[in-house]
Amino acid sequence: MVVARVKNQTLLDALLDMELIDVREHVAGEYVAGQCVKAGIHVKAVNFDGMPLGDGNHNNHFNGLMPLRNTLRLVSGNLGAKAAKVLVDAVASDMLAASNLRLLRDCLILVSDKRLTANGYERHRHCSQARE
């Protein structure tokens, strides 16, 4: 059997391939990765396109940081500040110490339970897959 390796595979993809995380945890990781992108966080770089500029009042300006902020508050409130850092490092920078794998999995399960299942993301995703 020939096995091909995808060159732009993320850490989460590799963990899923090695069966160190399950599909539910991978989906939660993709969700957080999407929040990072909307917040302007990219692998080892920051995108300032969504940031407000100038001296105007930006109290009502939505720049994409709030959803990620809320997720990280959820994680740090339940699992500690280190957990939030491990989550962002793994998702945005593809960095994870082997000793933090259990903590990352706990973060992903928490995000899945509190963010995806609560807002119907999982149910909607499964319904759309069933239609295919």
C-alpha atoms as a PDB file:
ATOM      1  CA  MET A   1       0.000   0.000   0.000  1.00  0.00           C
ATOM      2  CA  VAL A   2       1.295   3.441  -0.950  1.00  0.00           C
ATOM      3  CA  VAL A   3       0.814   6.229   1.579  1.00  0.00           C
ATOM      4  CA  ALA A   4       0.946   9.864   0.528  1.00  0.00           C
ATOM      5  CA  ARG A   5       1.732  12.669   2.916  1.00  0.00           C
ATOM      6  CA  VAL A   6      -0.026  16.008   2.574  1.00  0.00           C
ATOM      7  CA  LYS A   7       2.543  18.796   2.867  1.00  0.00           C
ATOM      8  CA  ASN A   8       0.186  21.401   4.351  1.00  0.00           C
ATOM      9  CA  GLN A   9      -1.139  19.061   7.026  1.00  0.00           C
ATOM     10  CA  THR A  10      -1.723  20.733  10.380  1.00  0.00           C
ATOM     11  CA  LEU A  11      -0.788  19.374  13.771  1.00  0.00           C
ATOM     12  CA  LEU A  12      -4.445  18.512  14.371  1.00  0.00           C
ATOM     13  CA  ASP A  13      -4.555  16.539  11.103  1.00  0.00           C
ATOM     14  CA  ALA A  14      -1.435  14.611  12.113  1.00  0.00           C
ATOM     15  CA  LEU A  15      -2.853  13.861  15.569  1.00  0.00           C
ATOM     16  CA  LEU A  16      -6.054  12.587  13.961  1.00  0.00           C
ATOM     17  CA  ASP A  17      -4.103  10.431  11.487  1.00  0.00           C
ATOM     18  CA  MET A  18      -2.109   8.914  14.364  1.00  0.00           C
ATOM     19  CA  GLU A  19      -5.400   8.375  16.242  1.00  0.00           C
ATOM     20  CA  LEU A  20      -4.204  10.484  19.176  1.00  0.00           C
ATOM     21  CA  ILE A  21      -7.381  12.596  18.914  1.00  0.00           C
ATOM     22  CA  ASP A  22     -10.793  11.614  17.577  1.00  0.00           C
ATOM     23  CA  VAL A  23     -12.952  13.267  14.910  1.00  0.00           C
ATOM     24  CA  ARG A  24     -14.976  15.237  17.468  1.00  0.00           C
ATOM     25  CA  GLU A  25     -11.787  16.752  18.893  1.00  0.00           C
ATOM     26  CA  HIS A  26     -10.496  17.489  15.380  1.00  0.00           C
ATOM     27  CA  VAL A  27     -13.712  19.344  14.492  1.00  0.00           C
ATOM     28  CA  ALA A  28     -13.377  21.407  17.682  1.00  0.00           C
ATOM     29  CA  GLY A  29      -9.784  22.211  16.727  1.00  0.00           C
ATOM     30  CA  GLU A  30     -10.891  23.338  13.264  1.00  0.00           C
ATOM     31  CA  TYR A  31     -13.527  25.525  14.910  1.00  0.00           C
ATOM     32  CA  VAL A  32     -10.887  27.219  17.074  1.00  0.00           C
ATOM     33  CA  ALA A  33      -8.578  27.523  14.043  1.00  0.00           C
ATOM     34  CA  GLY A  34     -11.380  29.337  12.209  1.00  0.00           C
ATOM     35  CA  GLN A  35     -11.754  31.696  15.149  1.00  0.00           C
ATOM     36  CA  CYS A  36      -7.991  32.337  15.096  1.00  0.00           C
ATOM     37  CA  VAL A  37      -8.113  33.215  11.391  1.00  0.00           C
ATOM     38  CA  LYS A  38     -11.051  35.586  11.918  1.00  0.00           C
ATOM     39  CA  ALA A  39      -9.139  37.189  14.791  1.00  0.00           C
ATOM     40  CA  GLY A  40      -6.164  37.770  12.509  1.00  0.00           C
ATOM     41  CA  ILE A  41      -3.965  35.058  13.975  1.00  0.00           C
ATOM     42  CA  HIS A  42      -2.148  32.971  11.388  1.00  0.00           C
ATOM     43  CA  VAL A  43       0.687  30.514  11.717  1.00  0.00           C
ATOM     44  CA  LYS A  44       3.577  32.548  13.132  1.00  0.00           C
ATOM     45  CA  ALA A  45       2.107  35.831  11.833  1.00  0.00           C
ATOM     46  CA  VAL A  46      -0.601  38.325  12.729  1.00  0.00           C
ATOM     47  CA  ASN A  47      -3.012  39.853  10.217  1.00  0.00           C
ATOM     48  CA  PHE A  48      -3.978  43.422  11.047  1.00  0.00           C
ATOM     49  CA  ASP A  49      -6.589  43.744   8.268  1.00  0.00           C
ATOM     50  CA  GLY A  50      -9.531  43.453  10.668  1.00  0.00           C
ATOM     51  CA  MET A  51      -8.170  45.864  13.257  1.00  0.00           C
ATOM     52  CA  PRO A  52      -9.742  49.310  13.639  1.00  0.00           C
ATOM     53  CA  LEU A  53      -7.561  52.219  12.543  1.00  0.00           C
ATOM     54  CA  GLY A  54      -7.703  55.930  13.258  1.00  0.00           C
ATOM     55  CA  ASP A  55      -9.013  57.983  16.141  1.00  0.00           C
ATOM     56  CA  GLY A  56     -12.723  57.243  15.703  1.00  0.00           C
ATOM     57  CA  ASN A  57     -14.962  55.505  18.226  1.00  0.00           C
ATOM     58  CA  HIS A  58     -14.547  51.751  17.828  1.00  0.00           C
ATOM     59  CA  ASN A  59     -16.800  50.619  20.672  1.00  0.00           C
ATOM     60  CA  ASN A  60     -19.130  48.851  18.249  1.00  0.00           C
ATOM     61  CA  HIS A  61     -16.421  47.633  15.886  1.00  0.00           C
ATOM     62  CA  PHE A  62     -16.374  43.867  15.535  1.00  0.00           C
ATOM     63  CA  ASN A  63     -12.917  42.770  14.511  1.00  0.00           C
ATOM     64  CA  GLY A  64     -13.153  39.028  14.987  1.00  0.00           C
ATOM     65  CA  LEU A  65     -11.358  38.860  18.324  1.00  0.00           C
ATOM     66  CA  MET A  66     -14.455  38.430  20.501  1.00  0.00           C
ATOM     67  CA  PRO A  67     -15.373  34.838  19.536  1.00  0.00           C
ATOM     68  CA  LEU A  68     -11.790  33.671  20.149  1.00  0.00           C
ATOM     69  CA  ARG A  69     -11.633  35.675  23.379  1.00  0.00           C
ATOM     70  CA  ASN A  70     -14.826  34.017  24.618  1.00  0.00           C
ATOM     71  CA  THR A  71     -13.531  30.551  23.743  1.00  0.00           C
ATOM     72  CA  LEU A  72     -10.214  31.181  25.488  1.00  0.00           C
ATOM     73  CA  ARG A  73     -12.034  32.531  28.563  1.00  0.00           C
ATOM     74  CA  LEU A  74     -14.112  29.343  28.617  1.00  0.00           C
ATOM     75  CA  VAL A  75     -10.979  27.191  28.420  1.00  0.00           C
ATOM     76  CA  SER A  76      -8.948  29.180  30.952  1.00  0.00           C
ATOM     77  CA  GLY A  77     -11.897  29.394  33.349  1.00  0.00           C
ATOM     78  CA  ASN A  78     -12.379  25.623  33.317  1.00  0.00           C
ATOM     79  CA  LEU A  79      -8.872  24.287  32.726  1.00  0.00           C
ATOM     80  CA  GLY A  80      -6.510  27.168  33.537  1.00  0.00           C
ATOM     81  CA  ALA A  81      -4.456  29.731  31.639  1.00  0.00           C
ATOM     82  CA  LYS A  82      -1.897  27.118  30.595  1.00  0.00           C
ATOM     83  CA  ALA A  83      -4.645  25.196  28.805  1.00  0.00           C
ATOM     84  CA  ALA A  84      -5.641  28.255  26.761  1.00  0.00           C
ATOM     85  CA  LYS A  85      -1.994  28.755  25.754  1.00  0.00           C
ATOM     86  CA  VAL A  86      -1.607  25.083  24.818  1.00  0.00           C
ATOM     87  CA  LEU A  87      -4.772  25.299  22.690  1.00  0.00           C
ATOM     88  CA  VAL A  88      -3.654  28.399  20.756  1.00  0.00           C
ATOM     89  CA  ASP A  89      -0.095  27.096  20.332  1.00  0.00           C
ATOM     90  CA  ALA A  90      -1.379  23.785  18.950  1.00  0.00           C
ATOM     91  CA  VAL A  91      -4.021  25.267  16.648  1.00  0.00           C
ATOM     92  CA  ALA A  92      -2.332  28.436  15.413  1.00  0.00           C
ATOM     93  CA  SER A  93       1.364  27.546  15.575  1.00  0.00           C
ATOM     94  CA  ASP A  94       1.393  23.734  15.284  1.00  0.00           C
ATOM     95  CA  MET A  95       3.374  23.494  18.537  1.00  0.00           C
ATOM     96  CA  LEU A  96       2.615  20.890  21.180  1.00  0.00           C
ATOM     97  CA  ALA A  97       4.798  19.228  23.793  1.00  0.00           C
ATOM     98  CA  ALA A  98       3.995  15.545  24.186  1.00  0.00           C
ATOM     99  CA  SER A  99       3.348  16.145  27.880  1.00  0.00           C
ATOM    100  CA  ASN A 100       0.490  18.526  26.959  1.00  0.00           C
ATOM    101  CA  LEU A 101      -1.463  16.128  24.700  1.00  0.00           C
ATOM    102  CA  ARG A 102      -3.957  15.228  27.453  1.00  0.00           C
ATOM    103  CA  LEU A 103      -4.496  18.920  28.243  1.00  0.00           C
ATOM    104  CA  LEU A 104      -5.063  19.691  24.546  1.00  0.00           C
ATOM    105  CA  ARG A 105      -7.617  16.883  24.315  1.00  0.00           C
ATOM    106  CA  ASP A 106      -9.398  18.226  27.409  1.00  0.00           C
ATOM    107  CA  CYS A 107      -9.525  21.675  25.759  1.00  0.00           C
ATOM    108  CA  LEU A 108     -10.930  20.278  22.521  1.00  0.00           C
ATOM    109  CA  ILE A 109     -13.581  18.237  24.350  1.00  0.00           C
ATOM    110  CA  LEU A 110     -14.602  21.311  26.353  1.00  0.00           C
ATOM    111  CA  VAL A 111     -14.892  23.405  23.175  1.00  0.00           C
ATOM    112  CA  SER A 112     -16.888  20.648  21.500  1.00  0.00           C
ATOM    113  CA  ASP A 113     -19.267  20.333  24.445  1.00  0.00           C
ATOM    114  CA  LYS A 114     -19.758  24.037  25.175  1.00  0.00           C
ATOM    115  CA  ARG A 115     -19.366  25.719  21.778  1.00  0.00           C
ATOM    116  CA  LEU A 116     -20.270  23.240  19.050  1.00  0.00           C
ATOM    117  CA  THR A 117     -22.951  21.053  20.571  1.00  0.00           C
ATOM    118  CA  ALA A 118     -24.669  23.968  22.325  1.00  0.00           C
ATOM    119  CA  ASN A 119     -25.139  26.033  19.165  1.00  0.00           C
ATOM    120  CA  GLY A 120     -26.183  23.134  16.949  1.00  0.00           C
ATOM    121  CA  TYR A 121     -22.930  23.041  14.961  1.00  0.00           C
ATOM    122  CA  GLU A 122     -22.504  19.284  15.364  1.00  0.00           C
ATOM    123  CA  ARG A 123     -26.151  18.548  14.577  1.00  0.00           C
ATOM    124  CA  HIS A 124     -26.110  20.829  11.497  1.00  0.00           C
ATOM    125  CA  ARG A 125     -22.832  19.307  10.297  1.00  0.00           C
ATOM    126  CA  HIS A 126     -24.159  15.753  10.623  1.00  0.00           C
ATOM    127  CA  CYS A 127     -27.440  16.652   8.884  1.00  0.00           C
ATOM    128  CA  SER A 128     -25.618  18.167   5.905  1.00  0.00           C
ATOM    129  CA  GLN A 129     -23.363  15.091   5.643  1.00  0.00           C
ATOM    130  CA  ALA A 130     -26.422  12.802   5.690  1.00  0.00           C
ATOM    131  CA  ARG A 131     -27.888  14.664   2.712  1.00  0.00           C
ATOM    132  CA  GLU A 132     -24.788  14.040   0.573  1.00  0.00           C
END
